[in-house]
Every structure is written in structure tokens, then in C-alpha cells.
Amino acid sequence: MDKDNNQAPSLWDVAKSVMAGFLGVQKSSHYERDFTHGKPWQYITLGIVGVVIFIAIIIGIVNLVLSMAGV
């Protein structure tokens, strides 16, 4: 159930918005809520954490494939 768009987004709402941003999809109502009631530092922090996790996963996959290939 979505919260009223007049309230500040919760940490979970911010995380969902950041994940949607990574995929390039977002409801316009959530987009408007994020820009009117959200705190930029929350989005920046979770965005950086998301990028670090993504890079760690890519590095892990590459290392796994290279070890399986015997390189």
C-alpha cells in the first residue's frame, strides 16, 4: 500500500526509488513525491551503496568465470 504523497518517503521507499532509478522505471507519483518531500542525501547515499554492490557483483562474476576458464 502506497503512502500518501504528502508525506516524506521512508527509507524503504527511498530504496525502491533508487532501484527503480537503476532500471529507469518509476511511477510519476513516486517521482513527484521523491522530488518534493525526499531528502537528497538519502538518495545519494543509497545510490552509492547500490553502485558499490553492483560493482562487487560484477567483479565476483568475472573472477568466477576466469577461475572456471583456468585463467
PDB file of N, CA and C in Angstrom:
ATOM      1  N   MET A   1       0.839  -1.171   0.000  1.00  0.00           N
ATOM      2  CA  MET A   1       0.000   0.000   0.000  1.00  0.00           C
ATOM      3  C   MET A   1       0.887   1.238   0.000  1.00  0.00           C
ATOM      4  N   ASP A   2       0.651   2.152  -0.923  1.00  0.00           N
ATOM      5  CA  ASP A   2       1.454   3.356  -1.030  1.00  0.00           C
ATOM      6  C   ASP A   2       1.045   4.368   0.029  1.00  0.00           C
ATOM      7  N   LYS A   3       2.025   5.085   0.528  1.00  0.00           N
ATOM      8  CA  LYS A   3       1.754   6.142   1.477  1.00  0.00           C
ATOM      9  C   LYS A   3       1.205   7.348   0.729  1.00  0.00           C
ATOM     10  N   ASP A   4       0.599   8.237   1.466  1.00  0.00           N
ATOM     11  CA  ASP A   4       0.112   9.476   0.882  1.00  0.00           C
ATOM     12  C   ASP A   4       1.301  10.260   0.328  1.00  0.00           C
ATOM     13  N   ASN A   5       1.134  10.861  -0.840  1.00  0.00           N
ATOM     14  CA  ASN A   5       2.237  11.582  -1.478  1.00  0.00           C
ATOM     15  C   ASN A   5       2.592  12.876  -0.765  1.00  0.00           C
ATOM     16  N   ASN A   6       1.859  13.243   0.279  1.00  0.00           N
ATOM     17  CA  ASN A   6       2.184  14.449   1.038  1.00  0.00           C
ATOM     18  C   ASN A   6       3.140  14.160   2.182  1.00  0.00           C
ATOM     19  N   GLN A   7       3.507  12.894   2.376  1.00  0.00           N
ATOM     20  CA  GLN A   7       4.418  12.522   3.450  1.00  0.00           C
ATOM     21  C   GLN A   7       5.809  12.268   2.883  1.00  0.00           C
ATOM     22  N   ALA A   8       6.801  12.463   3.738  1.00  0.00           N
ATOM     23  CA  ALA A   8       8.175  12.174   3.329  1.00  0.00           C
ATOM     24  C   ALA A   8       8.332  10.668   3.125  1.00  0.00           C
ATOM     25  N   PRO A   9       9.090  10.258   2.123  1.00  0.00           N
ATOM     26  CA  PRO A   9       9.270   8.824   1.876  1.00  0.00           C
ATOM     27  C   PRO A   9      10.090   8.168   2.983  1.00  0.00           C
ATOM     28  N   SER A  10       9.743   6.920   3.288  1.00  0.00           N
ATOM     29  CA  SER A  10      10.506   6.155   4.274  1.00  0.00           C
ATOM     30  C   SER A  10      11.796   5.661   3.628  1.00  0.00           C
ATOM     31  N   LEU A  11      12.662   5.078   4.442  1.00  0.00           N
ATOM     32  CA  LEU A  11      13.923   4.554   3.912  1.00  0.00           C
ATOM     33  C   LEU A  11      13.649   3.469   2.867  1.00  0.00           C
ATOM     34  N   TRP A  12      12.628   2.632   3.113  1.00  0.00           N
ATOM     35  CA  TRP A  12      12.268   1.586   2.147  1.00  0.00           C
ATOM     36  C   TRP A  12      11.756   2.211   0.848  1.00  0.00           C
ATOM     37  N   ASP A  13      10.982   3.290   0.938  1.00  0.00           N
ATOM     38  CA  ASP A  13      10.509   3.984  -0.263  1.00  0.00           C
ATOM     39  C   ASP A  13      11.689   4.558  -1.053  1.00  0.00           C
ATOM     40  N   VAL A  14      12.663   5.096  -0.332  1.00  0.00           N
ATOM     41  CA  VAL A  14      13.855   5.644  -0.992  1.00  0.00           C
ATOM     42  C   VAL A  14      14.620   4.521  -1.687  1.00  0.00           C
ATOM     43  N   ALA A  15      14.770   3.377  -1.014  1.00  0.00           N
ATOM     44  CA  ALA A  15      15.486   2.248  -1.615  1.00  0.00           C
ATOM     45  C   ALA A  15      14.771   1.766  -2.872  1.00  0.00           C
ATOM     46  N   LYS A  16      13.444   1.682  -2.830  1.00  0.00           N
ATOM     47  CA  LYS A  16      12.687   1.261  -4.012  1.00  0.00           C
ATOM     48  C   LYS A  16      12.845   2.268  -5.144  1.00  0.00           C
ATOM     49  N   SER A  17      12.876   3.558  -4.811  1.00  0.00           N
ATOM     50  CA  SER A  17      13.054   4.585  -5.830  1.00  0.00           C
ATOM     51  C   SER A  17      14.439   4.511  -6.465  1.00  0.00           C
ATOM     52  N   VAL A  18      15.448   4.239  -5.654  1.00  0.00           N
ATOM     53  CA  VAL A  18      16.813   4.107  -6.179  1.00  0.00           C
ATOM     54  C   VAL A  18      16.909   2.890  -7.101  1.00  0.00           C
ATOM     55  N   MET A  19      16.307   1.764  -6.681  1.00  0.00           N
ATOM     56  CA  MET A  19      16.312   0.568  -7.537  1.00  0.00           C
ATOM     57  C   MET A  19      15.559   0.819  -8.834  1.00  0.00           C
ATOM     58  N   ALA A  20      14.441   1.522  -8.746  1.00  0.00           N
ATOM     59  CA  ALA A  20      13.691   1.862  -9.959  1.00  0.00           C
ATOM     60  C   ALA A  20      14.520   2.786 -10.843  1.00  0.00           C
ATOM     61  N   GLY A  21      15.291   3.671 -10.225  1.00  0.00           N
ATOM     62  CA  GLY A  21      16.163   4.561 -10.988  1.00  0.00           C
ATOM     63  C   GLY A  21      17.259   3.803 -11.723  1.00  0.00           C
ATOM     64  N   PHE A  22      17.789   2.754 -11.095  1.00  0.00           N
ATOM     65  CA  PHE A  22      18.788   1.926 -11.766  1.00  0.00           C
ATOM     66  C   PHE A  22      18.205   1.278 -13.017  1.00  0.00           C
ATOM     67  N   LEU A  23      16.937   0.903 -12.935  1.00  0.00           N
ATOM     68  CA  LEU A  23      16.280   0.249 -14.069  1.00  0.00           C
ATOM     69  C   LEU A  23      15.666   1.248 -15.042  1.00  0.00           C
ATOM     70  N   GLY A  24      15.521   2.492 -14.616  1.00  0.00           N
ATOM     71  CA  GLY A  24      14.966   3.515 -15.480  1.00  0.00           C
ATOM     72  C   GLY A  24      13.448   3.525 -15.522  1.00  0.00           C
ATOM     73  N   VAL A  25      12.811   2.955 -14.513  1.00  0.00           N
ATOM     74  CA  VAL A  25      11.348   2.959 -14.436  1.00  0.00           C
ATOM     75  C   VAL A  25      10.933   3.570 -13.108  1.00  0.00           C
ATOM     76  N   GLN A  26       9.876   4.365 -13.136  1.00  0.00           N
ATOM     77  CA  GLN A  26       9.398   4.997 -11.915  1.00  0.00           C
ATOM     78  C   GLN A  26       7.996   5.538 -12.180  1.00  0.00           C
ATOM     79  N   LYS A  27       7.089   5.333 -11.252  1.00  0.00           N
ATOM     80  CA  LYS A  27       5.761   5.922 -11.361  1.00  0.00           C
ATOM     81  C   LYS A  27       5.892   7.429 -11.209  1.00  0.00           C
ATOM     82  N   SER A  28       5.095   8.158 -11.952  1.00  0.00           N
ATOM     83  CA  SER A  28       5.186   9.616 -11.876  1.00  0.00           C
ATOM     84  C   SER A  28       4.810  10.123 -10.485  1.00  0.00           C
ATOM     85  N   SER A  29       3.881   9.442  -9.806  1.00  0.00           N
ATOM     86  CA  SER A  29       3.508   9.881  -8.457  1.00  0.00           C
ATOM     87  C   SER A  29       4.677   9.710  -7.485  1.00  0.00           C
ATOM     88  N   HIS A  30       5.435   8.621  -7.634  1.00  0.00           N
ATOM     89  CA  HIS A  30       6.601   8.409  -6.770  1.00  0.00           C
ATOM     90  C   HIS A  30       7.704   9.405  -7.120  1.00  0.00           C
ATOM     91  N   TYR A  31       7.860   9.674  -8.407  1.00  0.00           N
ATOM     92  CA  TYR A  31       8.859  10.643  -8.863  1.00  0.00           C
ATOM     93  C   TYR A  31       8.576  12.013  -8.239  1.00  0.00           C
ATOM     94  N   GLU A  32       7.316  12.428  -8.293  1.00  0.00           N
ATOM     95  CA  GLU A  32       6.949  13.722  -7.724  1.00  0.00           C
ATOM     96  C   GLU A  32       7.145  13.740  -6.211  1.00  0.00           C
ATOM     97  N   ARG A  33       6.783  12.649  -5.526  1.00  0.00           N
ATOM     98  CA  ARG A  33       6.970  12.562  -4.075  1.00  0.00           C
ATOM     99  C   ARG A  33       8.454  12.671  -3.720  1.00  0.00           C
ATOM    100  N   ASP A  34       9.285  11.962  -4.491  1.00  0.00           N
ATOM    101  CA  ASP A  34      10.724  11.963  -4.218  1.00  0.00           C
ATOM    102  C   ASP A  34      11.312  13.363  -4.321  1.00  0.00           C
ATOM    103  N   PHE A  35      10.877  14.113  -5.334  1.00  0.00           N
ATOM    104  CA  PHE A  35      11.464  15.431  -5.549  1.00  0.00           C
ATOM    105  C   PHE A  35      10.845  16.521  -4.689  1.00  0.00           C
ATOM    106  N   THR A  36       9.642  16.286  -4.164  1.00  0.00           N
ATOM    107  CA  THR A  36       9.039  17.317  -3.315  1.00  0.00           C
ATOM    108  C   THR A  36       9.282  17.072  -1.833  1.00  0.00           C
ATOM    109  N   HIS A  37       9.323  15.814  -1.408  1.00  0.00           N
ATOM    110  CA  HIS A  37       9.437  15.525   0.021  1.00  0.00           C
ATOM    111  C   HIS A  37      10.700  14.754   0.406  1.00  0.00           C
ATOM    112  N   GLY A  38      11.439  14.253  -0.556  1.00  0.00           N
ATOM    113  CA  GLY A  38      12.625  13.452  -0.253  1.00  0.00           C
ATOM    114  C   GLY A  38      13.821  14.304   0.114  1.00  0.00           C
ATOM    115  N   LYS A  39      14.741  13.690   0.844  1.00  0.00           N
ATOM    116  CA  LYS A  39      15.995  14.356   1.204  1.00  0.00           C
ATOM    117  C   LYS A  39      17.078  13.844   0.255  1.00  0.00           C
ATOM    118  N   PRO A  40      17.773  14.739  -0.436  1.00  0.00           N
ATOM    119  CA  PRO A  40      18.761  14.310  -1.432  1.00  0.00           C
ATOM    120  C   PRO A  40      19.840  13.389  -0.871  1.00  0.00           C
ATOM    121  N   TRP A  41      20.278  13.621   0.359  1.00  0.00           N
ATOM    122  CA  TRP A  41      21.367  12.802   0.908  1.00  0.00           C
ATOM    123  C   TRP A  41      20.968  11.339   1.014  1.00  0.00           C
ATOM    124  N   GLN A  42      19.679  11.050   1.225  1.00  0.00           N
ATOM    125  CA  GLN A  42      19.234   9.658   1.293  1.00  0.00           C
ATOM    126  C   GLN A  42      19.401   8.968  -0.057  1.00  0.00           C
ATOM    127  N   TYR A  43      19.010   9.658  -1.120  1.00  0.00           N
ATOM    128  CA  TYR A  43      19.095   9.080  -2.460  1.00  0.00           C
ATOM    129  C   TYR A  43      20.545   8.929  -2.904  1.00  0.00           C
ATOM    130  N   ILE A  44      21.358   9.927  -2.577  1.00  0.00           N
ATOM    131  CA  ILE A  44      22.776   9.870  -2.938  1.00  0.00           C
ATOM    132  C   ILE A  44      23.461   8.716  -2.213  1.00  0.00           C
ATOM    133  N   THR A  45      23.219   8.598  -0.909  1.00  0.00           N
ATOM    134  CA  THR A  45      23.845   7.535  -0.119  1.00  0.00           C
ATOM    135  C   THR A  45      23.431   6.152  -0.609  1.00  0.00           C
ATOM    136  N   LEU A  46      22.130   5.935  -0.791  1.00  0.00           N
ATOM    137  CA  LEU A  46      21.671   4.625  -1.254  1.00  0.00           C
ATOM    138  C   LEU A  46      22.100   4.360  -2.698  1.00  0.00           C
ATOM    139  N   GLY A  47      22.204   5.408  -3.497  1.00  0.00           N
ATOM    140  CA  GLY A  47      22.696   5.238  -4.869  1.00  0.00           C
ATOM    141  C   GLY A  47      24.149   4.777  -4.886  1.00  0.00           C
ATOM    142  N   ILE A  48      24.971   5.379  -4.042  1.00  0.00           N
ATOM    143  CA  ILE A  48      26.382   4.987  -3.958  1.00  0.00           C
ATOM    144  C   ILE A  48      26.504   3.551  -3.445  1.00  0.00           C
ATOM    145  N   VAL A  49      25.728   3.212  -2.415  1.00  0.00           N
ATOM    146  CA  VAL A  49      25.742   1.839  -1.894  1.00  0.00           C
ATOM    147  C   VAL A  49      25.318   0.856  -2.983  1.00  0.00           C
ATOM    148  N   GLY A  50      24.285   1.204  -3.741  1.00  0.00           N
ATOM    149  CA  GLY A  50      23.828   0.344  -4.832  1.00  0.00           C
ATOM    150  C   GLY A  50      24.886   0.140  -5.900  1.00  0.00           C
ATOM    151  N   VAL A  51      25.593   1.205  -6.246  1.00  0.00           N
ATOM    152  CA  VAL A  51      26.649   1.100  -7.254  1.00  0.00           C
ATOM    153  C   VAL A  51      27.794   0.226  -6.751  1.00  0.00           C
ATOM    154  N   VAL A  52      28.173   0.384  -5.485  1.00  0.00           N
ATOM    155  CA  VAL A  52      29.248  -0.433  -4.907  1.00  0.00           C
ATOM    156  C   VAL A  52      28.851  -1.908  -4.911  1.00  0.00           C
ATOM    157  N   ILE A  53      27.609  -2.204  -4.533  1.00  0.00           N
ATOM    158  CA  ILE A  53      27.138  -3.594  -4.552  1.00  0.00           C
ATOM    159  C   ILE A  53      27.142  -4.137  -5.978  1.00  0.00           C
ATOM    160  N   PHE A  54      26.676  -3.350  -6.932  1.00  0.00           N
ATOM    161  CA  PHE A  54      26.652  -3.767  -8.333  1.00  0.00           C
ATOM    162  C   PHE A  54      28.069  -4.080  -8.835  1.00  0.00           C
ATOM    163  N   ILE A  55      29.024  -3.203  -8.544  1.00  0.00           N
ATOM    164  CA  ILE A  55      30.404  -3.416  -8.974  1.00  0.00           C
ATOM    165  C   ILE A  55      30.985  -4.661  -8.318  1.00  0.00           C
ATOM    166  N   ALA A  56      30.694  -4.879  -7.026  1.00  0.00           N
ATOM    167  CA  ALA A  56      31.193  -6.068  -6.334  1.00  0.00           C
ATOM    168  C   ALA A  56      30.630  -7.341  -6.967  1.00  0.00           C
ATOM    169  N   ILE A  57      29.371  -7.320  -7.349  1.00  0.00           N
ATOM    170  CA  ILE A  57      28.766  -8.485  -8.003  1.00  0.00           C
ATOM    171  C   ILE A  57      29.427  -8.741  -9.354  1.00  0.00           C
ATOM    172  N   ILE A  58      29.656  -7.700 -10.132  1.00  0.00           N
ATOM    173  CA  ILE A  58      30.302  -7.856 -11.446  1.00  0.00           C
ATOM    174  C   ILE A  58      31.712  -8.407 -11.277  1.00  0.00           C
ATOM    175  N   ILE A  59      32.468  -7.878 -10.331  1.00  0.00           N
ATOM    176  CA  ILE A  59      33.831  -8.376 -10.086  1.00  0.00           C
ATOM    177  C   ILE A  59      33.793  -9.843  -9.670  1.00  0.00           C
ATOM    178  N   GLY A  60      32.845 -10.195  -8.804  1.00  0.00           N
ATOM    179  CA  GLY A  60      32.717 -11.590  -8.376  1.00  0.00           C
ATOM    180  C   GLY A  60      32.397 -12.518  -9.541  1.00  0.00           C
ATOM    181  N   ILE A  61      31.495 -12.114 -10.412  1.00  0.00           N
ATOM    182  CA  ILE A  61      31.140 -12.933 -11.573  1.00  0.00           C
ATOM    183  C   ILE A  61      32.329 -13.092 -12.506  1.00  0.00           C
ATOM    184  N   VAL A  62      33.037 -11.996 -12.769  1.00  0.00           N
ATOM    185  CA  VAL A  62      34.213 -12.066 -13.648  1.00  0.00           C
ATOM    186  C   VAL A  62      35.265 -12.985 -13.051  1.00  0.00           C
ATOM    187  N   ASN A  63      35.540 -12.861 -11.755  1.00  0.00           N
ATOM    188  CA  ASN A  63      36.525 -13.749 -11.119  1.00  0.00           C
ATOM    189  C   ASN A  63      36.100 -15.192 -11.176  1.00  0.00           C
ATOM    190  N   LEU A  64      34.820 -15.469 -10.984  1.00  0.00           N
ATOM    191  CA  LEU A  64      34.308 -16.829 -11.060  1.00  0.00           C
ATOM    192  C   LEU A  64      34.478 -17.411 -12.457  1.00  0.00           C
ATOM    193  N   VAL A  65      34.121 -16.637 -13.464  1.00  0.00           N
ATOM    194  CA  VAL A  65      34.253 -17.104 -14.852  1.00  0.00           C
ATOM    195  C   VAL A  65      35.712 -17.320 -15.212  1.00  0.00           C
ATOM    196  N   LEU A  66      36.582 -16.408 -14.788  1.00  0.00           N
ATOM    197  CA  LEU A  66      38.010 -16.571 -15.103  1.00  0.00           C
ATOM    198  C   LEU A  66      38.603 -17.782 -14.391  1.00  0.00           C
ATOM    199  N   SER A  67      38.186 -18.046 -13.159  1.00  0.00           N
ATOM    200  CA  SER A  67      38.708 -19.219 -12.464  1.00  0.00           C
ATOM    201  C   SER A  67      38.200 -20.506 -13.097  1.00  0.00           C
ATOM    202  N   MET A  68      36.980 -20.515 -13.587  1.00  0.00           N
ATOM    203  CA  MET A  68      36.438 -21.690 -14.255  1.00  0.00           C
ATOM    204  C   MET A  68      37.138 -21.917 -15.605  1.00  0.00           C
ATOM    205  N   ALA A  69      37.605 -20.827 -16.223  1.00  0.00           N
ATOM    206  CA  ALA A  69      38.291 -20.931 -17.506  1.00  0.00           C
ATOM    207  C   ALA A  69      39.766 -21.296 -17.319  1.00  0.00           C
ATOM    208  N   GLY A  70      40.235 -21.290 -16.086  1.00  0.00           N
ATOM    209  CA  GLY A  70      41.625 -21.644 -15.818  1.00  0.00           C
ATOM    210  C   GLY A  70      42.606 -20.511 -16.052  1.00  0.00           C
ATOM    211  N   VAL A  71      42.122 -19.309 -16.051  1.00  0.00           N
ATOM    212  CA  VAL A  71      42.999 -18.140 -16.279  1.00  0.00           C
ATOM    213  C   VAL A  71      43.487 -17.616 -14.975  1.00  0.00           C
TER     214      VAL A  71
END
